[in-house]
C-alpha atoms as a PDB file:
ATOM      1  CA  MET A   1    -117.761 106.144 -81.208  1.00  0.00           C
ATOM      2  CA  SER A   2    -120.487 105.616 -78.670  1.00  0.00           C
ATOM      3  CA  ALA A   3    -122.781 105.133 -81.664  1.00  0.00           C
ATOM      4  CA  LEU A   4    -121.174 101.718 -82.092  1.00  0.00           C
ATOM      5  CA  PHE A   5    -123.267 100.538 -79.162  1.00  0.00           C
ATOM      6  CA  SER A   6    -127.021 100.576 -78.721  1.00  0.00           C
ATOM      7  CA  TRP A   7    -128.300 100.713 -75.119  1.00  0.00           C
ATOM      8  CA  ARG A   8    -131.887 100.878 -73.867  1.00  0.00           C
ATOM      9  CA  ARG A   9    -132.535 104.061 -71.909  1.00  0.00           C
ATOM     10  CA  GLY A  10    -133.804 103.829 -68.368  1.00  0.00           C
ATOM     11  CA  GLY A  11    -134.020 100.826 -66.076  1.00  0.00           C
ATOM     12  CA  ARG A  12    -131.466  98.739 -64.251  1.00  0.00           C
ATOM     13  CA  TRP A  13    -129.099  98.085 -67.176  1.00  0.00           C
ATOM     14  CA  SER A  14    -128.674 101.737 -68.107  1.00  0.00           C
ATOM     15  CA  ALA A  15    -127.799 102.495 -64.463  1.00  0.00           C
ATOM     16  CA  VAL A  16    -125.139  99.779 -64.467  1.00  0.00           C
ATOM     17  CA  PHE A  17    -123.795 101.056 -67.773  1.00  0.00           C
ATOM     18  CA  ALA A  18    -123.596 104.623 -66.451  1.00  0.00           C
ATOM     19  CA  LEU A  19    -121.513 103.457 -63.504  1.00  0.00           C
ATOM     20  CA  LEU A  20    -119.131 101.544 -65.735  1.00  0.00           C
ATOM     21  CA  MET A  21    -118.691 104.427 -68.122  1.00  0.00           C
ATOM     22  CA  ALA A  22    -117.936 106.732 -65.206  1.00  0.00           C
ATOM     23  CA  GLY A  23    -115.137 104.372 -64.207  1.00  0.00           C
ATOM     24  CA  VAL A  24    -116.867 103.382 -60.935  1.00  0.00           C
ATOM     25  CA  THR A  25    -116.973  99.820 -59.662  1.00  0.00           C
ATOM     26  CA  ALA A  26    -119.062  99.655 -56.501  1.00  0.00           C
ATOM     27  CA  GLY A  27    -117.296  98.170 -53.513  1.00  0.00           C
ATOM     28  CA  ARG A  28    -113.998  97.585 -55.344  1.00  0.00           C
ATOM     29  CA  ALA A  29    -110.817  98.651 -53.577  1.00  0.00           C
ATOM     30  CA  ALA A  30    -107.906 100.351 -55.350  1.00  0.00           C
ATOM     31  CA  SER A  31    -105.577  97.897 -57.062  1.00  0.00           C
ATOM     32  CA  TYR A  32    -102.661 100.297 -57.680  1.00  0.00           C
ATOM     33  CA  THR A  33    -100.818 103.046 -55.877  1.00  0.00           C
ATOM     34  CA  PHE A  34    -100.464 106.249 -57.916  1.00  0.00           C
ATOM     35  CA  VAL A  35     -97.138 108.097 -58.301  1.00  0.00           C
ATOM     36  CA  ASP A  36     -97.118 111.534 -59.944  1.00  0.00           C
ATOM     37  CA  LEU A  37     -93.867 111.600 -61.920  1.00  0.00           C
ATOM     38  CA  GLY A  38     -94.369 115.269 -62.726  1.00  0.00           C
ATOM     39  CA  ALA A  39     -93.945 116.076 -59.032  1.00  0.00           C
ATOM     40  CA  GLN A  40     -90.697 114.089 -59.004  1.00  0.00           C
ATOM     41  CA  VAL A  41     -89.103 116.248 -61.696  1.00  0.00           C
ATOM     42  CA  ALA A  42     -90.567 119.644 -60.761  1.00  0.00           C
ATOM     43  CA  GLY A  43     -87.482 120.721 -58.829  1.00  0.00           C
ATOM     44  CA  ALA A  44     -85.183 119.848 -61.724  1.00  0.00           C
ATOM     45  CA  ALA A  45     -87.271 121.558 -64.388  1.00  0.00           C
ATOM     46  CA  LYS A  46     -88.423 124.915 -63.059  1.00  0.00           C
ATOM     47  CA  GLY A  47     -90.152 127.191 -65.509  1.00  0.00           C
ATOM     48  CA  LEU A  48     -91.633 124.366 -67.518  1.00  0.00           C
ATOM     49  CA  SER A  49     -95.165 124.139 -68.709  1.00  0.00           C
ATOM     50  CA  PRO A  50     -96.716 121.295 -66.679  1.00  0.00           C
ATOM     51  CA  TYR A  51     -96.858 118.854 -69.582  1.00  0.00           C
ATOM     52  CA  PHE A  52     -95.464 115.394 -69.000  1.00  0.00           C
ATOM     53  CA  TYR A  53     -96.097 112.021 -70.555  1.00  0.00           C
ATOM     54  CA  GLY A  54     -94.954 108.487 -69.840  1.00  0.00           C
ATOM     55  CA  ALA A  55     -92.826 106.568 -72.287  1.00  0.00           C
ATOM     56  CA  ALA A  56     -91.619 103.182 -71.030  1.00  0.00           C
ATOM     57  CA  ILE A  57     -90.729 101.099 -67.977  1.00  0.00           C
ATOM     58  CA  ASN A  58     -88.241  98.252 -67.530  1.00  0.00           C
ATOM     59  CA  ASP A  59     -88.503  95.165 -65.321  1.00  0.00           C
ATOM     60  CA  ARG A  60     -86.569  96.887 -62.516  1.00  0.00           C
ATOM     61  CA  GLY A  61     -89.197  99.621 -62.362  1.00  0.00           C
ATOM     62  CA  ALA A  62     -87.092 102.374 -63.980  1.00  0.00           C
ATOM     63  CA  VAL A  63     -89.206 104.780 -66.034  1.00  0.00           C
ATOM     64  CA  VAL A  64     -88.334 107.108 -68.896  1.00  0.00           C
ATOM     65  CA  PHE A  65     -90.697 109.992 -69.561  1.00  0.00           C
ATOM     66  CA  ASN A  66     -90.711 113.338 -71.300  1.00  0.00           C
ATOM     67  CA  VAL A  67     -91.378 116.969 -70.378  1.00  0.00           C
ATOM     68  CA  MET A  68     -92.286 119.896 -72.641  1.00  0.00           C
ATOM     69  CA  ASN A  69     -91.768 123.602 -71.999  1.00  0.00           C
ATOM     70  CA  GLU A  70     -93.741 126.562 -73.318  1.00  0.00           C
ATOM     71  CA  ALA A  71     -91.627 126.700 -76.500  1.00  0.00           C
ATOM     72  CA  HIS A  72     -92.427 123.027 -77.209  1.00  0.00           C
ATOM     73  CA  ASP A  73     -88.862 121.925 -76.506  1.00  0.00           C
ATOM     74  CA  TYR A  74     -88.774 118.437 -75.026  1.00  0.00           C
ATOM     75  CA  ARG A  75     -86.492 116.916 -72.418  1.00  0.00           C
ATOM     76  CA  ALA A  76     -86.273 113.272 -71.398  1.00  0.00           C
ATOM     77  CA  PHE A  77     -85.919 112.120 -67.794  1.00  0.00           C
ATOM     78  CA  VAL A  78     -85.392 108.772 -66.095  1.00  0.00           C
ATOM     79  CA  PHE A  79     -86.883 107.879 -62.696  1.00  0.00           C
ATOM     80  CA  ASP A  80     -85.163 104.965 -60.922  1.00  0.00           C
ATOM     81  CA  GLY A  81     -87.793 104.585 -58.225  1.00  0.00           C
ATOM     82  CA  SER A  82     -86.374 107.189 -55.860  1.00  0.00           C
ATOM     83  CA  SER A  83     -84.771 110.016 -57.857  1.00  0.00           C
ATOM     84  CA  VAL A  84     -84.889 111.687 -61.271  1.00  0.00           C
ATOM     85  CA  GLN A  85     -82.014 112.230 -63.705  1.00  0.00           C
ATOM     86  CA  ALA A  86     -82.076 114.216 -66.949  1.00  0.00           C
ATOM     87  CA  VAL A  87     -81.209 112.277 -70.099  1.00  0.00           C
ATOM     88  CA  SER A  88     -78.555 114.147 -72.089  1.00  0.00           C
ATOM     89  CA  ALA A  89     -79.429 115.558 -75.504  1.00  0.00           C
ATOM     90  CA  LEU A  90     -77.111 115.469 -78.514  1.00  0.00           C
ATOM     91  CA  ALA A  91     -77.042 119.292 -78.551  1.00  0.00           C
ATOM     92  CA  ALA A  92     -75.475 121.653 -76.022  1.00  0.00           C
ATOM     93  CA  GLU A  93     -77.650 121.868 -72.932  1.00  0.00           C
ATOM     94  CA  SER A  94     -76.860 125.272 -71.438  1.00  0.00           C
ATOM     95  CA  THR A  95     -80.487 126.154 -72.155  1.00  0.00           C
ATOM     96  CA  TRP A  96     -83.521 124.137 -73.187  1.00  0.00           C
ATOM     97  CA  ALA A  97     -83.799 125.952 -76.504  1.00  0.00           C
ATOM     98  CA  GLY A  98     -82.498 123.762 -79.286  1.00  0.00           C
ATOM     99  CA  SER A  99     -81.613 120.841 -77.022  1.00  0.00           C
ATOM    100  CA  SER A 100     -84.826 118.898 -77.319  1.00  0.00           C
ATOM    101  CA  ASN A 101     -84.713 115.150 -76.850  1.00  0.00           C
ATOM    102  CA  ALA A 102     -87.453 112.604 -76.268  1.00  0.00           C
ATOM    103  CA  ALA A 103     -87.047 109.108 -74.842  1.00  0.00           C
ATOM    104  CA  ALA A 104     -88.926 106.173 -76.359  1.00  0.00           C
ATOM    105  CA  ASP A 105     -87.723 103.083 -74.476  1.00  0.00           C
ATOM    106  CA  ILE A 106     -85.494 101.737 -71.689  1.00  0.00           C
ATOM    107  CA  ASN A 107     -84.089  98.217 -71.306  1.00  0.00           C
ATOM    108  CA  LEU A 108     -83.156  96.141 -68.260  1.00  0.00           C
ATOM    109  CA  GLN A 109     -79.617  97.592 -68.219  1.00  0.00           C
ATOM    110  CA  GLY A 110     -80.987 101.136 -68.102  1.00  0.00           C
ATOM    111  CA  GLU A 111     -80.002 101.933 -71.692  1.00  0.00           C
ATOM    112  CA  ILE A 112     -82.340 104.552 -73.144  1.00  0.00           C
ATOM    113  CA  VAL A 113     -83.160 105.330 -76.767  1.00  0.00           C
ATOM    114  CA  GLY A 114     -85.120 108.061 -78.487  1.00  0.00           C
ATOM    115  CA  HIS A 115     -84.438 111.050 -80.716  1.00  0.00           C
ATOM    116  CA  SER A 116     -82.685 114.385 -80.185  1.00  0.00           C
ATOM    117  CA  ARG A 117     -82.170 117.639 -82.039  1.00  0.00           C
ATOM    118  CA  LEU A 118     -78.581 118.288 -83.108  1.00  0.00           C
ATOM    119  CA  GLY A 119     -78.291 121.932 -82.122  1.00  0.00           C
ATOM    120  CA  PRO A 120     -80.027 125.284 -81.524  1.00  0.00           C
ATOM    121  CA  ASN A 121     -80.043 126.177 -85.221  1.00  0.00           C
ATOM    122  CA  SER A 122     -80.696 122.695 -86.565  1.00  0.00           C
ATOM    123  CA  ALA A 123     -84.067 121.206 -87.365  1.00  0.00           C
ATOM    124  CA  ALA A 124     -82.489 117.778 -87.819  1.00  0.00           C
ATOM    125  CA  THR A 125     -83.103 115.051 -85.271  1.00  0.00           C
ATOM    126  CA  HIS A 126     -81.086 111.865 -84.851  1.00  0.00           C
ATOM    127  CA  ALA A 127     -81.642 108.645 -82.959  1.00  0.00           C
ATOM    128  CA  PHE A 128     -79.679 108.483 -79.709  1.00  0.00           C
ATOM    129  CA  LEU A 129     -78.508 105.909 -77.186  1.00  0.00           C
ATOM    130  CA  PHE A 130     -78.021 107.044 -73.569  1.00  0.00           C
ATOM    131  CA  ARG A 131     -75.854 104.680 -71.533  1.00  0.00           C
ATOM    132  CA  ASN A 132     -73.899 105.120 -68.283  1.00  0.00           C
ATOM    133  CA  GLY A 133     -74.529 108.867 -68.253  1.00  0.00           C
ATOM    134  CA  ALA A 134     -73.294 109.459 -71.825  1.00  0.00           C
ATOM    135  CA  VAL A 135     -75.298 110.047 -74.993  1.00  0.00           C
ATOM    136  CA  ARG A 136     -74.353 108.719 -78.442  1.00  0.00           C
ATOM    137  CA  ASP A 137     -75.705 109.445 -81.911  1.00  0.00           C
ATOM    138  CA  ILE A 138     -76.872 106.145 -83.485  1.00  0.00           C
ATOM    139  CA  GLY A 139     -78.802 107.635 -86.402  1.00  0.00           C
ATOM    140  CA  PRO A 140     -78.123 105.925 -89.752  1.00  0.00           C
ATOM    141  CA  ALA A 141     -75.587 107.747 -91.924  1.00  0.00           C
ATOM    142  CA  GLY A 142     -77.006 109.945 -94.634  1.00  0.00           C
ATOM    143  CA  ARG A 143     -80.373 110.522 -92.967  1.00  0.00           C
ATOM    144  CA  GLU A 144     -81.160 113.955 -91.550  1.00  0.00           C
ATOM    145  CA  TYR A 145     -84.124 112.731 -89.499  1.00  0.00           C
ATOM    146  CA  SER A 146     -84.108 109.509 -87.509  1.00  0.00           C
ATOM    147  CA  GLU A 147     -85.453 108.102 -84.253  1.00  0.00           C
ATOM    148  CA  ALA A 148     -84.963 105.002 -82.142  1.00  0.00           C
ATOM    149  CA  LEU A 149     -88.255 103.363 -81.189  1.00  0.00           C
ATOM    150  CA  ARG A 150     -87.345 100.277 -79.122  1.00  0.00           C
ATOM    151  CA  ILE A 151     -84.330  98.739 -77.401  1.00  0.00           C
ATOM    152  CA  ASN A 152     -84.312  95.200 -75.997  1.00  0.00           C
ATOM    153  CA  ASP A 153     -82.266  93.742 -73.155  1.00  0.00           C
ATOM    154  CA  GLN A 154     -79.565  92.642 -75.618  1.00  0.00           C
ATOM    155  CA  GLY A 155     -79.097  96.234 -76.806  1.00  0.00           C
ATOM    156  CA  GLU A 156     -80.693  95.623 -80.213  1.00  0.00           C
ATOM    157  CA  VAL A 157     -82.557  98.667 -81.528  1.00  0.00           C
ATOM    158  CA  LEU A 158     -85.521  99.233 -83.819  1.00  0.00           C
ATOM    159  CA  GLY A 159     -85.700 102.644 -85.422  1.00  0.00           C
ATOM    160  CA  ALA A 160     -87.069 104.778 -88.234  1.00  0.00           C
ATOM    161  CA  ALA A 161     -85.745 107.476 -90.540  1.00  0.00           C
ATOM    162  CA  MET A 162     -87.613 110.149 -92.427  1.00  0.00           C
ATOM    163  CA  GLY A 163     -86.635 111.251 -95.915  1.00  0.00           C
ATOM    164  CA  ALA A 164     -88.692 111.084 -99.066  1.00  0.00           C
ATOM    165  CA  GLN A 165     -90.528 108.323 -97.229  1.00  0.00           C
ATOM    166  CA  ARG A 166     -90.470 106.757 -93.767  1.00  0.00           C
ATOM    167  CA  GLU A 167     -87.943 103.910 -93.590  1.00  0.00           C
ATOM    168  CA  PHE A 168     -87.324 101.411 -90.785  1.00  0.00           C
ATOM    169  CA  TRP A 169     -84.020 100.049 -89.582  1.00  0.00           C
ATOM    170  CA  VAL A 170     -82.596  97.627 -87.010  1.00  0.00           C
ATOM    171  CA  ARG A 171     -79.268  97.833 -85.232  1.00  0.00           C
ATOM    172  CA  ARG A 172     -77.179  95.023 -83.696  1.00  0.00           C
ATOM    173  CA  GLY A 173     -73.914  96.224 -82.188  1.00  0.00           C
ATOM    174  CA  ASP A 174     -72.585  98.826 -84.629  1.00  0.00           C
ATOM    175  CA  ARG A 175     -74.289  97.319 -87.678  1.00  0.00           C
ATOM    176  CA  THR A 176     -77.431  98.936 -89.086  1.00  0.00           C
ATOM    177  CA  GLN A 177     -79.738  97.211 -91.561  1.00  0.00           C
ATOM    178  CA  TRP A 178     -82.775  98.567 -93.356  1.00  0.00           C
ATOM    179  CA  LEU A 179     -85.884  96.404 -92.994  1.00  0.00           C
ATOM    180  CA  ALA A 180     -86.699  97.002 -96.653  1.00  0.00           C
ATOM    181  CA  ASP A 181     -83.423  95.246 -97.533  1.00  0.00           C
ATOM    182  CA  VAL A 182     -83.771  92.233 -95.209  1.00  0.00           C
ATOM    183  CA  VAL A 183     -87.569  91.712 -95.208  1.00  0.00           C
ATOM    184  CA  ALA A 184     -89.375  93.347 -98.125  1.00  0.00           C
ATOM    185  CA  PRO A 185     -89.647  96.744 -99.831  1.00  0.00           C
ATOM    186  CA  GLY A 186     -91.779  99.086 -97.748  1.00  0.00           C
ATOM    187  CA  ALA A 187     -91.567  96.911 -94.608  1.00  0.00           C
ATOM    188  CA  THR A 188     -92.691  98.724 -91.461  1.00  0.00           C
ATOM    189  CA  GLY A 189     -91.300  97.888 -88.011  1.00  0.00           C
ATOM    190  CA  VAL A 190     -93.793  98.024 -85.130  1.00  0.00           C
ATOM    191  CA  ASP A 191     -92.125  96.419 -82.086  1.00  0.00           C
ATOM    192  CA  LEU A 192     -89.044  94.506 -80.921  1.00  0.00           C
ATOM    193  CA  ASN A 193     -88.881  91.921 -78.139  1.00  0.00           C
ATOM    194  CA  ASN A 194     -86.141  90.349 -76.013  1.00  0.00           C
ATOM    195  CA  ARG A 195     -85.945  87.317 -78.316  1.00  0.00           C
ATOM    196  CA  GLY A 196     -84.628  89.624 -81.035  1.00  0.00           C
ATOM    197  CA  HIS A 197     -87.845  89.366 -83.047  1.00  0.00           C
ATOM    198  CA  VAL A 198     -89.154  92.393 -84.927  1.00  0.00           C
ATOM    199  CA  LEU A 199     -92.908  92.655 -85.438  1.00  0.00           C
ATOM    200  CA  GLY A 200     -93.821  94.437 -88.621  1.00  0.00           C
ATOM    201  CA  VAL A 201     -96.057  94.785 -91.646  1.00  0.00           C
ATOM    202  CA  SER A 202     -95.302  94.612 -95.352  1.00  0.00           C
ATOM    203  CA  ALA A 203     -97.411  94.363 -98.496  1.00  0.00           C
ATOM    204  CA  ARG A 204     -97.427  90.595 -97.970  1.00  0.00           C
ATOM    205  CA  GLY A 205     -98.788  90.836 -94.418  1.00  0.00           C
ATOM    206  CA  VAL A 206     -97.781  90.787 -90.755  1.00  0.00           C
ATOM    207  CA  PHE A 207     -94.334  89.320 -90.101  1.00  0.00           C
ATOM    208  CA  LEU A 208     -91.797  88.399 -87.438  1.00  0.00           C
ATOM    209  CA  HIS A 209     -88.178  88.952 -88.419  1.00  0.00           C
ATOM    210  CA  ASP A 210     -85.446  87.199 -86.403  1.00  0.00           C
ATOM    211  CA  LEU A 211     -82.398  89.461 -86.037  1.00  0.00           C
ATOM    212  CA  ALA A 212     -80.090  86.567 -85.127  1.00  0.00           C
ATOM    213  CA  THR A 213     -80.903  84.282 -88.074  1.00  0.00           C
ATOM    214  CA  GLY A 214     -82.116  86.849 -90.589  1.00  0.00           C
ATOM    215  CA  SER A 215     -85.230  84.764 -91.257  1.00  0.00           C
ATOM    216  CA  THR A 216     -88.714  86.215 -91.710  1.00  0.00           C
ATOM    217  CA  SER A 217     -91.979  84.430 -90.900  1.00  0.00           C
ATOM    218  CA  TYR A 218     -95.338  85.677 -92.123  1.00  0.00           C
ATOM    219  CA  LEU A 219     -98.258  85.228 -89.757  1.00  0.00           C
ATOM    220  CA  ASP A 220    -101.802  84.193 -90.588  1.00  0.00           C
ATOM    221  CA  GLY A 221    -104.905  85.162 -88.673  1.00  0.00           C
ATOM    222  CA  VAL A 222    -103.677  88.352 -86.982  1.00  0.00           C
ATOM    223  CA  LYS A 223    -106.659  90.674 -86.557  1.00  0.00           C
ATOM    224  CA  GLY A 224    -106.702  94.393 -87.196  1.00  0.00           C
ATOM    225  CA  SER A 225    -103.928  96.890 -86.612  1.00  0.00           C
ATOM    226  CA  VAL A 226    -100.921  95.246 -84.914  1.00  0.00           C
ATOM    227  CA  ALA A 227     -99.426  97.179 -82.038  1.00  0.00           C
ATOM    228  CA  VAL A 228     -97.167  95.340 -79.579  1.00  0.00           C
ATOM    229  CA  LEU A 229     -95.193  92.108 -79.286  1.00  0.00           C
ATOM    230  CA  SER A 230     -94.503  90.205 -76.046  1.00  0.00           C
ATOM    231  CA  ASP A 231     -91.408  88.159 -75.241  1.00  0.00           C
ATOM    232  CA  ARG A 232     -93.534  85.069 -75.910  1.00  0.00           C
ATOM    233  CA  ASP A 233     -94.228  86.298 -79.452  1.00  0.00           C
ATOM    234  CA  GLU A 234     -97.828  87.137 -78.577  1.00  0.00           C
ATOM    235  CA  ILE A 235     -99.281  90.082 -80.480  1.00  0.00           C
ATOM    236  CA  ALA A 236    -101.877  92.558 -79.224  1.00  0.00           C
ATOM    237  CA  SER A 237    -103.940  94.412 -81.813  1.00  0.00           C
ATOM    238  CA  VAL A 238    -107.112  96.445 -82.326  1.00  0.00           C
ATOM    239  CA  ALA A 239    -109.903  95.559 -84.766  1.00  0.00           C
ATOM    240  CA  ASP A 240    -113.353  97.179 -84.876  1.00  0.00           C
ATOM    241  CA  TYR A 241    -112.603  98.944 -81.566  1.00  0.00           C
ATOM    242  CA  ALA A 242    -112.048  95.616 -79.794  1.00  0.00           C
ATOM    243  CA  LEU A 243    -108.871  94.205 -78.247  1.00  0.00           C
ATOM    244  CA  TYR A 244    -107.355  91.053 -79.763  1.00  0.00           C
ATOM    245  CA  ARG A 245    -104.435  88.820 -78.843  1.00  0.00           C
ATOM    246  CA  TRP A 246    -102.717  86.564 -81.376  1.00  0.00           C
ATOM    247  CA  GLN A 247    -100.899  83.503 -80.078  1.00  0.00           C
ATOM    248  CA  ARG A 248     -99.880  80.167 -81.541  1.00  0.00           C
ATOM    249  CA  GLY A 249    -101.474  80.956 -84.885  1.00  0.00           C
ATOM    250  CA  ARG A 250    -104.855  81.951 -83.490  1.00  0.00           C
ATOM    251  CA  ALA A 251    -106.470  85.357 -82.873  1.00  0.00           C
ATOM    252  CA  GLU A 252    -108.553  85.658 -79.702  1.00  0.00           C
ATOM    253  CA  LYS A 253    -111.002  88.499 -79.098  1.00  0.00           C
ATOM    254  CA  LEU A 254    -110.468  89.813 -75.574  1.00  0.00           C
ATOM    255  CA  GLY A 255    -113.373  92.272 -75.655  1.00  0.00           C
ATOM    256  CA  SER A 256    -114.041  95.989 -75.761  1.00  0.00           C
ATOM    257  CA  ILE A 257    -114.696  98.722 -73.240  1.00  0.00           C
ATOM    258  CA  GLY A 258    -116.613 102.017 -73.268  1.00  0.00           C
ATOM    259  CA  GLY A 259    -116.850 103.480 -76.764  1.00  0.00           C
ATOM    260  CA  GLY A 260    -114.134 101.127 -77.939  1.00  0.00           C
ATOM    261  CA  VAL A 261    -110.413 100.408 -77.706  1.00  0.00           C
ATOM    262  CA  VAL A 262    -108.384 102.981 -79.642  1.00  0.00           C
ATOM    263  CA  PHE A 263    -104.711 102.100 -79.092  1.00  0.00           C
ATOM    264  CA  VAL A 264    -102.671  99.269 -77.598  1.00  0.00           C
ATOM    265  CA  ARG A 265     -99.405 100.493 -76.096  1.00  0.00           C
ATOM    266  CA  GLY A 266     -97.793  97.688 -74.087  1.00  0.00           C
ATOM    267  CA  MET A 267     -97.872  93.990 -73.159  1.00  0.00           C
ATOM    268  CA  ASN A 268     -95.817  91.911 -70.708  1.00  0.00           C
ATOM    269  CA  THR A 269     -94.904  88.229 -70.753  1.00  0.00           C
ATOM    270  CA  LEU A 270     -97.911  87.391 -68.555  1.00  0.00           C
ATOM    271  CA  GLY A 271    -100.240  88.594 -71.293  1.00  0.00           C
ATOM    272  CA  ASP A 272    -101.271  91.783 -69.475  1.00  0.00           C
ATOM    273  CA  ILE A 273    -102.039  94.559 -71.971  1.00  0.00           C
ATOM    274  CA  VAL A 274    -102.383  98.340 -71.590  1.00  0.00           C
ATOM    275  CA  GLY A 275    -103.559 101.112 -73.857  1.00  0.00           C
ATOM    276  CA  VAL A 276    -106.248 103.700 -74.520  1.00  0.00           C
ATOM    277  CA  PHE A 277    -110.022 103.526 -74.976  1.00  0.00           C
ATOM    278  CA  ARG A 278    -112.800 106.079 -75.415  1.00  0.00           C
ATOM    279  CA  ASN A 279    -115.418 106.426 -72.720  1.00  0.00           C
ATOM    280  CA  ALA A 280    -119.119 107.075 -73.377  1.00  0.00           C
ATOM    281  CA  SER A 281    -118.441 110.834 -73.635  1.00  0.00           C
ATOM    282  CA  GLY A 282    -115.663 110.372 -76.182  1.00  0.00           C
ATOM    283  CA  GLY A 283    -112.826 111.101 -73.740  1.00  0.00           C
ATOM    284  CA  LEU A 284    -109.593 109.131 -73.802  1.00  0.00           C
ATOM    285  CA  ARG A 285    -108.992 106.824 -70.828  1.00  0.00           C
ATOM    286  CA  ALA A 286    -106.308 104.305 -69.846  1.00  0.00           C
ATOM    287  CA  PHE A 287    -107.141 100.605 -69.742  1.00  0.00           C
ATOM    288  CA  VAL A 288    -105.522  97.400 -68.532  1.00  0.00           C
ATOM    289  CA  TYR A 289    -106.325  93.836 -69.555  1.00  0.00           C
ATOM    290  CA  SER A 290    -105.261  91.424 -66.818  1.00  0.00           C
ATOM    291  CA  GLY A 291    -106.556  88.129 -65.468  1.00  0.00           C
ATOM    292  CA  GLY A 292    -109.197  87.951 -68.175  1.00  0.00           C
ATOM    293  CA  ASN A 293    -110.643  91.381 -67.261  1.00  0.00           C
ATOM    294  CA  LEU A 294    -110.589  94.527 -69.396  1.00  0.00           C
ATOM    295  CA  SER A 295    -110.756  97.476 -66.993  1.00  0.00           C
ATOM    296  CA  ASP A 296    -110.683 101.252 -66.854  1.00  0.00           C
ATOM    297  CA  LEU A 297    -107.552 102.015 -64.815  1.00  0.00           C
ATOM    298  CA  ASN A 298    -109.322 104.996 -63.280  1.00  0.00           C
ATOM    299  CA  ALA A 299    -111.539 102.564 -61.383  1.00  0.00           C
ATOM    300  CA  LEU A 300    -108.504 100.825 -59.897  1.00  0.00           C
ATOM    301  CA  ILE A 301    -106.763 103.756 -58.187  1.00  0.00           C
ATOM    302  CA  ASP A 302    -107.468 106.034 -55.244  1.00  0.00           C
ATOM    303  CA  ALA A 303    -106.193 109.360 -56.599  1.00  0.00           C
ATOM    304  CA  PRO A 304    -108.866 112.071 -56.345  1.00  0.00           C
ATOM    305  CA  GLY A 305    -108.632 114.773 -58.989  1.00  0.00           C
ATOM    306  CA  TRP A 306    -106.624 112.710 -61.477  1.00  0.00           C
ATOM    307  CA  VAL A 307    -107.858 111.241 -64.769  1.00  0.00           C
ATOM    308  CA  LEU A 308    -105.646 108.592 -66.393  1.00  0.00           C
ATOM    309  CA  THR A 309    -105.862 109.227 -70.138  1.00  0.00           C
ATOM    310  CA  SER A 310    -103.248 106.830 -71.511  1.00  0.00           C
ATOM    311  CA  ALA A 311    -101.377 103.713 -70.363  1.00  0.00           C
ATOM    312  CA  ASP A 312     -98.146 103.477 -72.353  1.00  0.00           C
ATOM    313  CA  GLY A 313     -96.218 100.555 -70.891  1.00  0.00           C
ATOM    314  CA  ILE A 314     -96.382  97.643 -68.441  1.00  0.00           C
ATOM    315  CA  ASN A 315     -93.540  95.539 -67.055  1.00  0.00           C
ATOM    316  CA  ASN A 316     -93.454  91.972 -65.745  1.00  0.00           C
ATOM    317  CA  ARG A 317     -94.066  93.229 -62.188  1.00  0.00           C
ATOM    318  CA  GLY A 318     -97.377  94.704 -63.372  1.00  0.00           C
ATOM    319  CA  GLU A 319     -96.191  98.307 -62.981  1.00  0.00           C
ATOM    320  CA  ILE A 320     -97.751 100.695 -65.486  1.00  0.00           C
ATOM    321  CA  VAL A 321     -96.692 104.077 -66.891  1.00  0.00           C
ATOM    322  CA  GLY A 322     -98.749 106.592 -68.814  1.00  0.00           C
ATOM    323  CA  ALA A 323    -100.237 110.074 -68.882  1.00  0.00           C
ATOM    324  CA  ALA A 324    -102.822 111.634 -66.559  1.00  0.00           C
ATOM    325  CA  VAL A 325    -104.597 114.971 -66.289  1.00  0.00           C
ATOM    326  CA  ALA A 326    -104.693 116.764 -62.923  1.00  0.00           C
ATOM    327  CA  ALA A 327    -107.582 118.787 -61.530  1.00  0.00           C
ATOM    328  CA  ASP A 328    -105.958 122.011 -62.820  1.00  0.00           C
ATOM    329  CA  GLY A 329    -105.842 120.628 -66.378  1.00  0.00           C
ATOM    330  CA  SER A 330    -102.094 119.994 -66.457  1.00  0.00           C
ATOM    331  CA  GLN A 331    -100.819 116.697 -67.852  1.00  0.00           C
ATOM    332  CA  HIS A 332     -98.280 114.579 -65.971  1.00  0.00           C
ATOM    333  CA  ALA A 333     -96.646 111.221 -66.430  1.00  0.00           C
ATOM    334  CA  PHE A 334     -97.698 108.624 -63.868  1.00  0.00           C
ATOM    335  CA  LEU A 335     -96.446 105.346 -62.447  1.00  0.00           C
ATOM    336  CA  LEU A 336     -98.840 102.753 -61.030  1.00  0.00           C
ATOM    337  CA  ARG A 337     -97.586 100.057 -58.668  1.00  0.00           C
ATOM    338  CA  PRO A 338     -99.794  97.028 -57.965  1.00  0.00           C
ATOM    339  CA  ILE A 339    -101.070  96.627 -54.397  1.00  0.00           C
ATOM    340  CA  ARG A 340    -100.155  93.074 -53.425  1.00  0.00           C
END
């Protein structure tokens, strides 16, 4: 992807470019403190392969993240800022084998959603809701494979099911509706915000579906591949390896970084955006867009030996979760807290 850019070799500009691509900003102090979430769970997950990744963070700073063992069984954990708790799977949990679960999101009330295997001898996975220490199967009836993708502060859920084709559903209370039935055939759900609006795509285009009224609005001018939706109905997307934000009917190009923006993973109500870009060497790195600046997060921390490869979520306090690689090559989930 570095071929997308043409830079003159030698001279002052190539030196500046080399510094930026290395994630170095001369004279700039760290903007975040770094918390290794893998270290927080190590005592509760002995014998695991050191593979962790971040999932989501709520506005109280609680984080859900996932751990994988050598057999590729997953387990979800929640970190409340001081301690770690395992998130129950739908299967028996006397051993890790067969009890895989993975968290996808957490809301302000601490309710967690994701997907879980049903038992040691079952390949099926169902969407789950973890609340007040108890886990509940919320997978749509008649579907062997399902997952919950998002939960908002009202407890509304966006999910998907896999059969002959991938189908998307929304849940309010105990009622489940298929997006294909309420929006359009083949409708895809991408994100859900606290206003009860579902961002999605159908053959007709990008849409917002209101869960309360049942109405669907199609949006003009959204650029590229839509990714996330803020509580102000702003949309962050990627087009031609650049970051875009859609608001009030207009798409604004926010810029690019390194070899180009690859994924957008999260956005808060302040318009701060996080995700993944490729550096000049083709490696994946975490970025943040804040205050009009698109930055490599690695340049904003003081954590020798760590490389932040993905930023997966950001809350309204500016705290960020994602995945990082340690000096020994292991991957851990991280939490960044802004230095005020």
